[in-house]
Amino acid sequence: MSEKVLGIEDLLGEDEEIVEEPEGLYDLVIPPGVPMTLIHELISEFDLEPHTKSSSGSVEDGELFDMTLIVLRGDLETVRRAEKYLLDEFDERIGCFG
């Protein structure tokens, strides 16, 4: 029995269209490296809508790169509660290393 590994495509579906942010909605940017299971948990627990957002960055030597980030969209109060939950989960998961 093999388990399916969830990917970004599972969150976003087949359409990767750019969605303009409707007024009154806010994005919670998910840092790269967050486990997909935690992202799914945030979506289902807080009823947030997953989208992508393009971002540019650079490394120490000045080389530029583009990346696509996952953002979870919702009203301000919900996004703030989801952000707190995400940060609490990080603290709990890395607390054993401290």
PDB file of N, CA and C in Angstrom:
ATOM      1  N   MET A   1       0.846  -1.163   0.000  1.00  0.00           N
ATOM      2  CA  MET A   1       0.000   0.000   0.000  1.00  0.00           C
ATOM      3  C   MET A   1       0.898   1.235   0.000  1.00  0.00           C
ATOM      4  N   SER A   2       0.743   2.078  -1.003  1.00  0.00           N
ATOM      5  CA  SER A   2       1.568   3.273  -1.068  1.00  0.00           C
ATOM      6  C   SER A   2       0.727   4.491  -0.729  1.00  0.00           C
ATOM      7  N   GLU A   3       1.332   5.402  -0.005  1.00  0.00           N
ATOM      8  CA  GLU A   3       0.650   6.642   0.362  1.00  0.00           C
ATOM      9  C   GLU A   3       0.910   7.688  -0.697  1.00  0.00           C
ATOM     10  N   LYS A   4      -0.076   8.520  -0.947  1.00  0.00           N
ATOM     11  CA  LYS A   4       0.091   9.614  -1.883  1.00  0.00           C
ATOM     12  C   LYS A   4       0.798  10.760  -1.172  1.00  0.00           C
ATOM     13  N   VAL A   5       1.801  11.304  -1.802  1.00  0.00           N
ATOM     14  CA  VAL A   5       2.496  12.465  -1.264  1.00  0.00           C
ATOM     15  C   VAL A   5       1.800  13.703  -1.803  1.00  0.00           C
ATOM     16  N   LEU A   6       1.357  14.555  -0.907  1.00  0.00           N
ATOM     17  CA  LEU A   6       0.643  15.760  -1.303  1.00  0.00           C
ATOM     18  C   LEU A   6       1.612  16.816  -1.783  1.00  0.00           C
ATOM     19  N   GLY A   7       1.235  17.491  -2.830  1.00  0.00           N
ATOM     20  CA  GLY A   7       2.067  18.558  -3.365  1.00  0.00           C
ATOM     21  C   GLY A   7       1.273  19.830  -3.542  1.00  0.00           C
ATOM     22  N   ILE A   8       1.936  20.858  -4.049  1.00  0.00           N
ATOM     23  CA  ILE A   8       1.301  22.160  -4.257  1.00  0.00           C
ATOM     24  C   ILE A   8       0.124  22.036  -5.213  1.00  0.00           C
ATOM     25  N   GLU A   9       0.224  21.122  -6.182  1.00  0.00           N
ATOM     26  CA  GLU A   9      -0.851  20.935  -7.147  1.00  0.00           C
ATOM     27  C   GLU A   9      -2.134  20.474  -6.457  1.00  0.00           C
ATOM     28  N   ASP A  10      -1.990  19.684  -5.398  1.00  0.00           N
ATOM     29  CA  ASP A  10      -3.159  19.202  -4.662  1.00  0.00           C
ATOM     30  C   ASP A  10      -3.874  20.348  -3.956  1.00  0.00           C
ATOM     31  N   LEU A  11      -3.129  21.336  -3.525  1.00  0.00           N
ATOM     32  CA  LEU A  11      -3.734  22.485  -2.851  1.00  0.00           C
ATOM     33  C   LEU A  11      -4.422  23.425  -3.829  1.00  0.00           C
ATOM     34  N   LEU A  12      -3.767  23.657  -4.951  1.00  0.00           N
ATOM     35  CA  LEU A  12      -4.206  24.707  -5.852  1.00  0.00           C
ATOM     36  C   LEU A  12      -5.070  24.215  -6.993  1.00  0.00           C
ATOM     37  N   GLY A  13      -5.083  22.930  -7.256  1.00  0.00           N
ATOM     38  CA  GLY A  13      -5.805  22.424  -8.409  1.00  0.00           C
ATOM     39  C   GLY A  13      -4.984  22.644  -9.662  1.00  0.00           C
ATOM     40  N   GLU A  14      -5.628  22.514 -10.795  1.00  0.00           N
ATOM     41  CA  GLU A  14      -4.907  22.620 -12.061  1.00  0.00           C
ATOM     42  C   GLU A  14      -4.719  24.056 -12.512  1.00  0.00           C
ATOM     43  N   ASP A  15      -5.622  24.946 -12.146  1.00  0.00           N
ATOM     44  CA  ASP A  15      -5.535  26.332 -12.588  1.00  0.00           C
ATOM     45  C   ASP A  15      -4.617  27.113 -11.674  1.00  0.00           C
ATOM     46  N   GLU A  16      -3.528  27.604 -12.238  1.00  0.00           N
ATOM     47  CA  GLU A  16      -2.622  28.443 -11.463  1.00  0.00           C
ATOM     48  C   GLU A  16      -2.757  29.878 -11.952  1.00  0.00           C
ATOM     49  N   GLU A  17      -3.966  30.408 -11.875  1.00  0.00           N
ATOM     50  CA  GLU A  17      -4.197  31.754 -12.338  1.00  0.00           C
ATOM     51  C   GLU A  17      -3.856  32.746 -11.243  1.00  0.00           C
ATOM     52  N   ILE A  18      -3.485  33.931 -11.650  1.00  0.00           N
ATOM     53  CA  ILE A  18      -3.208  34.997 -10.699  1.00  0.00           C
ATOM     54  C   ILE A  18      -4.549  35.560 -10.248  1.00  0.00           C
ATOM     55  N   VAL A  19      -4.784  35.569  -8.966  1.00  0.00           N
ATOM     56  CA  VAL A  19      -6.042  36.062  -8.428  1.00  0.00           C
ATOM     57  C   VAL A  19      -5.761  37.373  -7.714  1.00  0.00           C
ATOM     58  N   GLU A  20      -6.477  38.411  -8.122  1.00  0.00           N
ATOM     59  CA  GLU A  20      -6.312  39.688  -7.439  1.00  0.00           C
ATOM     60  C   GLU A  20      -6.912  39.580  -6.045  1.00  0.00           C
ATOM     61  N   GLU A  21      -6.271  40.232  -5.098  1.00  0.00           N
ATOM     62  CA  GLU A  21      -6.753  40.182  -3.722  1.00  0.00           C
ATOM     63  C   GLU A  21      -8.024  41.010  -3.603  1.00  0.00           C
ATOM     64  N   PRO A  22      -9.136  40.351  -3.288  1.00  0.00           N
ATOM     65  CA  PRO A  22     -10.369  41.117  -3.087  1.00  0.00           C
ATOM     66  C   PRO A  22     -10.238  42.013  -1.862  1.00  0.00           C
ATOM     67  N   GLU A  23     -10.941  43.126  -1.894  1.00  0.00           N
ATOM     68  CA  GLU A  23     -10.889  44.055  -0.778  1.00  0.00           C
ATOM     69  C   GLU A  23     -11.409  43.382   0.489  1.00  0.00           C
ATOM     70  N   GLY A  24     -10.713  43.583   1.575  1.00  0.00           N
ATOM     71  CA  GLY A  24     -11.127  43.010   2.845  1.00  0.00           C
ATOM     72  C   GLY A  24     -10.529  41.646   3.123  1.00  0.00           C
ATOM     73  N   LEU A  25      -9.769  41.083   2.186  1.00  0.00           N
ATOM     74  CA  LEU A  25      -9.126  39.794   2.405  1.00  0.00           C
ATOM     75  C   LEU A  25      -7.625  39.990   2.533  1.00  0.00           C
ATOM     76  N   TYR A  26      -6.994  39.117   3.302  1.00  0.00           N
ATOM     77  CA  TYR A  26      -5.576  39.223   3.592  1.00  0.00           C
ATOM     78  C   TYR A  26      -4.898  37.890   3.314  1.00  0.00           C
ATOM     79  N   ASP A  27      -3.600  37.938   3.036  1.00  0.00           N
ATOM     80  CA  ASP A  27      -2.833  36.735   2.736  1.00  0.00           C
ATOM     81  C   ASP A  27      -1.886  36.394   3.877  1.00  0.00           C
ATOM     82  N   LEU A  28      -1.866  35.137   4.248  1.00  0.00           N
ATOM     83  CA  LEU A  28      -0.873  34.605   5.175  1.00  0.00           C
ATOM     84  C   LEU A  28       0.160  33.895   4.312  1.00  0.00           C
ATOM     85  N   VAL A  29       1.357  34.441   4.233  1.00  0.00           N
ATOM     86  CA  VAL A  29       2.414  33.846   3.416  1.00  0.00           C
ATOM     87  C   VAL A  29       3.025  32.684   4.185  1.00  0.00           C
ATOM     88  N   ILE A  30       3.040  31.521   3.554  1.00  0.00           N
ATOM     89  CA  ILE A  30       3.590  30.317   4.170  1.00  0.00           C
ATOM     90  C   ILE A  30       5.080  30.242   3.841  1.00  0.00           C
ATOM     91  N   PRO A  31       5.935  30.202   4.845  1.00  0.00           N
ATOM     92  CA  PRO A  31       7.375  30.131   4.582  1.00  0.00           C
ATOM     93  C   PRO A  31       7.731  28.836   3.850  1.00  0.00           C
ATOM     94  N   PRO A  32       8.713  28.894   2.952  1.00  0.00           N
ATOM     95  CA  PRO A  32       9.169  27.665   2.287  1.00  0.00           C
ATOM     96  C   PRO A  32       9.619  26.640   3.326  1.00  0.00           C
ATOM     97  N   GLY A  33       9.274  25.388   3.088  1.00  0.00           N
ATOM     98  CA  GLY A  33       9.693  24.316   3.979  1.00  0.00           C
ATOM     99  C   GLY A  33       8.641  23.878   4.982  1.00  0.00           C
ATOM    100  N   VAL A  34       7.502  24.578   5.033  1.00  0.00           N
ATOM    101  CA  VAL A  34       6.437  24.179   5.951  1.00  0.00           C
ATOM    102  C   VAL A  34       5.826  22.879   5.419  1.00  0.00           C
ATOM    103  N   PRO A  35       5.671  21.874   6.269  1.00  0.00           N
ATOM    104  CA  PRO A  35       5.113  20.594   5.806  1.00  0.00           C
ATOM    105  C   PRO A  35       3.708  20.761   5.218  1.00  0.00           C
ATOM    106  N   MET A  36       3.453  20.029   4.141  1.00  0.00           N
ATOM    107  CA  MET A  36       2.150  20.101   3.478  1.00  0.00           C
ATOM    108  C   MET A  36       1.017  19.717   4.429  1.00  0.00           C
ATOM    109  N   THR A  37       1.289  18.796   5.352  1.00  0.00           N
ATOM    110  CA  THR A  37       0.243  18.392   6.296  1.00  0.00           C
ATOM    111  C   THR A  37      -0.192  19.577   7.156  1.00  0.00           C
ATOM    112  N   LEU A  38       0.755  20.424   7.548  1.00  0.00           N
ATOM    113  CA  LEU A  38       0.426  21.605   8.349  1.00  0.00           C
ATOM    114  C   LEU A  38      -0.344  22.627   7.512  1.00  0.00           C
ATOM    115  N   ILE A  39       0.018  22.765   6.251  1.00  0.00           N
ATOM    116  CA  ILE A  39      -0.700  23.681   5.358  1.00  0.00           C
ATOM    117  C   ILE A  39      -2.144  23.211   5.186  1.00  0.00           C
ATOM    118  N   HIS A  40      -2.323  21.915   4.961  1.00  0.00           N
ATOM    119  CA  HIS A  40      -3.679  21.368   4.842  1.00  0.00           C
ATOM    120  C   HIS A  40      -4.473  21.580   6.132  1.00  0.00           C
ATOM    121  N   GLU A  41      -3.799  21.436   7.255  1.00  0.00           N
ATOM    122  CA  GLU A  41      -4.442  21.648   8.549  1.00  0.00           C
ATOM    123  C   GLU A  41      -4.931  23.091   8.679  1.00  0.00           C
ATOM    124  N   LEU A  42      -4.104  24.049   8.279  1.00  0.00           N
ATOM    125  CA  LEU A  42      -4.489  25.456   8.335  1.00  0.00           C
ATOM    126  C   LEU A  42      -5.688  25.737   7.432  1.00  0.00           C
ATOM    127  N   ILE A  43      -5.672  25.154   6.241  1.00  0.00           N
ATOM    128  CA  ILE A  43      -6.761  25.370   5.291  1.00  0.00           C
ATOM    129  C   ILE A  43      -8.073  24.851   5.851  1.00  0.00           C
ATOM    130  N   SER A  44      -8.047  23.628   6.369  1.00  0.00           N
ATOM    131  CA  SER A  44      -9.298  23.033   6.845  1.00  0.00           C
ATOM    132  C   SER A  44      -9.748  23.623   8.182  1.00  0.00           C
ATOM    133  N   GLU A  45      -8.812  23.882   9.080  1.00  0.00           N
ATOM    134  CA  GLU A  45      -9.158  24.394  10.412  1.00  0.00           C
ATOM    135  C   GLU A  45      -9.704  25.825  10.354  1.00  0.00           C
ATOM    136  N   PHE A  46      -9.122  26.653   9.481  1.00  0.00           N
ATOM    137  CA  PHE A  46      -9.484  28.072   9.450  1.00  0.00           C
ATOM    138  C   PHE A  46     -10.258  28.472   8.196  1.00  0.00           C
ATOM    139  N   ASP A  47     -10.568  27.501   7.342  1.00  0.00           N
ATOM    140  CA  ASP A  47     -11.338  27.743   6.126  1.00  0.00           C
ATOM    141  C   ASP A  47     -10.702  28.844   5.273  1.00  0.00           C
ATOM    142  N   LEU A  48      -9.399  28.717   5.050  1.00  0.00           N
ATOM    143  CA  LEU A  48      -8.667  29.671   4.231  1.00  0.00           C
ATOM    144  C   LEU A  48      -8.563  29.152   2.804  1.00  0.00           C
ATOM    145  N   GLU A  49      -8.408  30.057   1.872  1.00  0.00           N
ATOM    146  CA  GLU A  49      -8.331  29.725   0.452  1.00  0.00           C
ATOM    147  C   GLU A  49      -6.868  29.769  -0.008  1.00  0.00           C
ATOM    148  N   PRO A  50      -6.324  28.647  -0.529  1.00  0.00           N
ATOM    149  CA  PRO A  50      -4.919  28.639  -0.964  1.00  0.00           C
ATOM    150  C   PRO A  50      -4.748  29.299  -2.332  1.00  0.00           C
ATOM    151  N   HIS A  51      -3.672  30.061  -2.462  1.00  0.00           N
ATOM    152  CA  HIS A  51      -3.297  30.717  -3.714  1.00  0.00           C
ATOM    153  C   HIS A  51      -1.777  30.727  -3.783  1.00  0.00           C
ATOM    154  N   THR A  52      -1.252  31.202  -4.896  1.00  0.00           N
ATOM    155  CA  THR A  52       0.189  31.379  -5.009  1.00  0.00           C
ATOM    156  C   THR A  52       0.494  32.848  -5.245  1.00  0.00           C
ATOM    157  N   LYS A  53       1.717  33.218  -4.905  1.00  0.00           N
ATOM    158  CA  LYS A  53       2.184  34.583  -5.109  1.00  0.00           C
ATOM    159  C   LYS A  53       3.644  34.493  -5.526  1.00  0.00           C
ATOM    160  N   SER A  54       4.026  35.229  -6.553  1.00  0.00           N
ATOM    161  CA  SER A  54       5.413  35.236  -7.010  1.00  0.00           C
ATOM    162  C   SER A  54       6.206  36.245  -6.203  1.00  0.00           C
ATOM    163  N   SER A  55       7.445  35.890  -5.927  1.00  0.00           N
ATOM    164  CA  SER A  55       8.321  36.761  -5.160  1.00  0.00           C
ATOM    165  C   SER A  55       9.732  36.661  -5.723  1.00  0.00           C
ATOM    166  N   SER A  56      10.466  37.738  -5.641  1.00  0.00           N
ATOM    167  CA  SER A  56      11.865  37.744  -6.073  1.00  0.00           C
ATOM    168  C   SER A  56      12.753  37.855  -4.856  1.00  0.00           C
ATOM    169  N   GLY A  57      13.939  37.317  -4.957  1.00  0.00           N
ATOM    170  CA  GLY A  57      14.882  37.385  -3.853  1.00  0.00           C
ATOM    171  C   GLY A  57      16.296  37.361  -4.389  1.00  0.00           C
ATOM    172  N   SER A  58      17.236  37.398  -3.490  1.00  0.00           N
ATOM    173  CA  SER A  58      18.640  37.310  -3.897  1.00  0.00           C
ATOM    174  C   SER A  58      19.410  36.569  -2.813  1.00  0.00           C
ATOM    175  N   VAL A  59      20.521  36.000  -3.225  1.00  0.00           N
ATOM    176  CA  VAL A  59      21.408  35.335  -2.285  1.00  0.00           C
ATOM    177  C   VAL A  59      22.563  36.262  -1.980  1.00  0.00           C
ATOM    178  N   GLU A  60      23.439  35.822  -1.107  1.00  0.00           N
ATOM    179  CA  GLU A  60      24.522  36.678  -0.626  1.00  0.00           C
ATOM    180  C   GLU A  60      25.337  37.344  -1.727  1.00  0.00           C
ATOM    181  N   ASP A  61      25.623  36.610  -2.783  1.00  0.00           N
ATOM    182  CA  ASP A  61      26.477  37.188  -3.820  1.00  0.00           C
ATOM    183  C   ASP A  61      25.701  38.042  -4.818  1.00  0.00           C
ATOM    184  N   GLY A  62      24.407  38.287  -4.550  1.00  0.00           N
ATOM    185  CA  GLY A  62      23.618  39.177  -5.384  1.00  0.00           C
ATOM    186  C   GLY A  62      22.866  38.495  -6.506  1.00  0.00           C
ATOM    187  N   GLU A  63      22.982  37.178  -6.621  1.00  0.00           N
ATOM    188  CA  GLU A  63      22.262  36.466  -7.673  1.00  0.00           C
ATOM    189  C   GLU A  63      20.763  36.515  -7.379  1.00  0.00           C
ATOM    190  N   LEU A  64      19.980  36.948  -8.365  1.00  0.00           N
ATOM    191  CA  LEU A  64      18.538  37.074  -8.196  1.00  0.00           C
ATOM    192  C   LEU A  64      17.842  35.769  -8.564  1.00  0.00           C
ATOM    193  N   PHE A  65      16.722  35.504  -7.917  1.00  0.00           N
ATOM    194  CA  PHE A  65      15.914  34.335  -8.250  1.00  0.00           C
ATOM    195  C   PHE A  65      14.450  34.648  -7.983  1.00  0.00           C
ATOM    196  N   ASP A  66      13.587  33.947  -8.691  1.00  0.00           N
ATOM    197  CA  ASP A  66      12.149  34.067  -8.492  1.00  0.00           C
ATOM    198  C   ASP A  66      11.645  32.805  -7.818  1.00  0.00           C
ATOM    199  N   MET A  67      10.640  32.945  -6.989  1.00  0.00           N
ATOM    200  CA  MET A  67      10.034  31.777  -6.361  1.00  0.00           C
ATOM    201  C   MET A  67       8.537  31.990  -6.261  1.00  0.00           C
ATOM    202  N   THR A  68       7.823  30.885  -6.197  1.00  0.00           N
ATOM    203  CA  THR A  68       6.380  30.926  -6.008  1.00  0.00           C
ATOM    204  C   THR A  68       6.094  30.507  -4.585  1.00  0.00           C
ATOM    205  N   LEU A  69       5.387  31.360  -3.875  1.00  0.00           N
ATOM    206  CA  LEU A  69       5.047  31.096  -2.481  1.00  0.00           C
ATOM    207  C   LEU A  69       3.583  30.713  -2.364  1.00  0.00           C
ATOM    208  N   ILE A  70       3.272  29.900  -1.367  1.00  0.00           N
ATOM    209  CA  ILE A  70       1.888  29.578  -1.058  1.00  0.00           C
ATOM    210  C   ILE A  70       1.376  30.642  -0.104  1.00  0.00           C
ATOM    211  N   VAL A  71       0.195  31.164  -0.387  1.00  0.00           N
ATOM    212  CA  VAL A  71      -0.464  32.094   0.527  1.00  0.00           C
ATOM    213  C   VAL A  71      -1.856  31.549   0.814  1.00  0.00           C
ATOM    214  N   LEU A  72      -2.305  31.778   2.031  1.00  0.00           N
ATOM    215  CA  LEU A  72      -3.643  31.370   2.432  1.00  0.00           C
ATOM    216  C   LEU A  72      -4.440  32.634   2.686  1.00  0.00           C
ATOM    217  N   ARG A  73      -5.564  32.771   1.994  1.00  0.00           N
ATOM    218  CA  ARG A  73      -6.324  34.017   1.987  1.00  0.00           C
ATOM    219  C   ARG A  73      -7.596  33.894   2.813  1.00  0.00           C
ATOM    220  N   GLY A  74      -7.868  34.959   3.585  1.00  0.00           N
ATOM    221  CA  GLY A  74      -9.089  35.021   4.374  1.00  0.00           C
ATOM    222  C   GLY A  74      -9.248  36.403   4.973  1.00  0.00           C
ATOM    223  N   ASP A  75     -10.256  36.554   5.815  1.00  0.00           N
ATOM    224  CA  ASP A  75     -10.460  37.851   6.467  1.00  0.00           C
ATOM    225  C   ASP A  75      -9.364  38.058   7.520  1.00  0.00           C
ATOM    226  N   LEU A  76      -9.184  39.298   7.942  1.00  0.00           N
ATOM    227  CA  LEU A  76      -8.069  39.669   8.813  1.00  0.00           C
ATOM    228  C   LEU A  76      -8.057  38.867  10.114  1.00  0.00           C
ATOM    229  N   GLU A  77      -9.182  38.746  10.768  1.00  0.00           N
ATOM    230  CA  GLU A  77      -9.233  38.034  12.051  1.00  0.00           C
ATOM    231  C   GLU A  77      -8.833  36.563  11.881  1.00  0.00           C
ATOM    232  N   THR A  78      -9.349  35.932  10.852  1.00  0.00           N
ATOM    233  CA  THR A  78      -9.040  34.521  10.605  1.00  0.00           C
ATOM    234  C   THR A  78      -7.572  34.332  10.265  1.00  0.00           C
ATOM    235  N   VAL A  79      -7.036  35.215   9.432  1.00  0.00           N
ATOM    236  CA  VAL A  79      -5.622  35.123   9.054  1.00  0.00           C
ATOM    237  C   VAL A  79      -4.731  35.310  10.280  1.00  0.00           C
ATOM    238  N   ARG A  80      -5.085  36.219  11.151  1.00  0.00           N
ATOM    239  CA  ARG A  80      -4.287  36.426  12.373  1.00  0.00           C
ATOM    240  C   ARG A  80      -4.327  35.203  13.289  1.00  0.00           C
ATOM    241  N   ARG A  81      -5.516  34.574  13.424  1.00  0.00           N
ATOM    242  CA  ARG A  81      -5.615  33.357  14.245  1.00  0.00           C
ATOM    243  C   ARG A  81      -4.806  32.213  13.619  1.00  0.00           C
ATOM    244  N   ALA A  82      -4.855  32.095  12.292  1.00  0.00           N
ATOM    245  CA  ALA A  82      -4.093  31.056  11.601  1.00  0.00           C
ATOM    246  C   ALA A  82      -2.590  31.295  11.752  1.00  0.00           C
ATOM    247  N   GLU A  83      -2.170  32.558  11.676  1.00  0.00           N
ATOM    248  CA  GLU A  83      -0.749  32.893  11.852  1.00  0.00           C
ATOM    249  C   GLU A  83      -0.284  32.516  13.258  1.00  0.00           C
ATOM    250  N   LYS A  84      -1.092  32.829  14.265  1.00  0.00           N
ATOM    251  CA  LYS A  84      -0.754  32.473  15.646  1.00  0.00           C
ATOM    252  C   LYS A  84      -0.639  30.954  15.778  1.00  0.00           C
ATOM    253  N   TYR A  85      -1.589  30.239  15.200  1.00  0.00           N
ATOM    254  CA  TYR A  85      -1.574  28.778  15.238  1.00  0.00           C
ATOM    255  C   TYR A  85      -0.296  28.243  14.574  1.00  0.00           C
ATOM    256  N   LEU A  86       0.054  28.800  13.411  1.00  0.00           N
ATOM    257  CA  LEU A  86       1.257  28.373  12.692  1.00  0.00           C
ATOM    258  C   LEU A  86       2.507  28.608  13.537  1.00  0.00           C
ATOM    259  N   LEU A  87       2.625  29.768  14.144  1.00  0.00           N
ATOM    260  CA  LEU A  87       3.790  30.080  14.965  1.00  0.00           C
ATOM    261  C   LEU A  87       3.842  29.214  16.226  1.00  0.00           C
ATOM    262  N   ASP A  88       2.673  28.948  16.821  1.00  0.00           N
ATOM    263  CA  ASP A  88       2.627  28.050  17.980  1.00  0.00           C
ATOM    264  C   ASP A  88       3.066  26.643  17.600  1.00  0.00           C
ATOM    265  N   GLU A  89       2.654  26.181  16.422  1.00  0.00           N
ATOM    266  CA  GLU A  89       3.070  24.858  15.942  1.00  0.00           C
ATOM    267  C   GLU A  89       4.580  24.811  15.737  1.00  0.00           C
ATOM    268  N   PHE A  90       5.148  25.875  15.163  1.00  0.00           N
ATOM    269  CA  PHE A  90       6.610  25.939  14.991  1.00  0.00           C
ATOM    270  C   PHE A  90       7.298  25.838  16.345  1.00  0.00           C
ATOM    271  N   ASP A  91       6.824  26.631  17.309  1.00  0.00           N
ATOM    272  CA  ASP A  91       7.426  26.611  18.653  1.00  0.00           C
ATOM    273  C   ASP A  91       7.355  25.222  19.264  1.00  0.00           C
ATOM    274  N   GLU A  92       6.212  24.566  19.128  1.00  0.00           N
ATOM    275  CA  GLU A  92       6.043  23.231  19.704  1.00  0.00           C
ATOM    276  C   GLU A  92       6.950  22.218  19.009  1.00  0.00           C
ATOM    277  N   ARG A  93       7.055  22.307  17.693  1.00  0.00           N
ATOM    278  CA  ARG A  93       7.841  21.318  16.945  1.00  0.00           C
ATOM    279  C   ARG A  93       9.343  21.487  17.129  1.00  0.00           C
ATOM    280  N   ILE A  94       9.806  22.725  17.311  1.00  0.00           N
ATOM    281  CA  ILE A  94      11.245  22.906  17.472  1.00  0.00           C
ATOM    282  C   ILE A  94      11.647  23.066  18.942  1.00  0.00           C
ATOM    283  N   GLY A  95      10.656  23.118  19.831  1.00  0.00           N
ATOM    284  CA  GLY A  95      10.923  23.275  21.250  1.00  0.00           C
ATOM    285  C   GLY A  95      11.772  22.164  21.832  1.00  0.00           C
ATOM    286  N   CYS A  96      11.656  20.979  21.260  1.00  0.00           N
ATOM    287  CA  CYS A  96      12.425  19.846  21.783  1.00  0.00           C
ATOM    288  C   CYS A  96      13.922  20.005  21.509  1.00  0.00           C
ATOM    289  N   PHE A  97      14.308  20.923  20.602  1.00  0.00           N
ATOM    290  CA  PHE A  97      15.729  21.120  20.288  1.00  0.00           C
ATOM    291  C   PHE A  97      16.381  22.135  21.230  1.00  0.00           C
ATOM    292  N   GLY A  98      15.564  22.878  21.967  1.00  0.00           N
ATOM    293  CA  GLY A  98      16.083  23.940  22.817  1.00  0.00           C
ATOM    294  C   GLY A  98      16.443  23.429  24.136  1.00  0.00           C
TER     295      GLY A  98
END
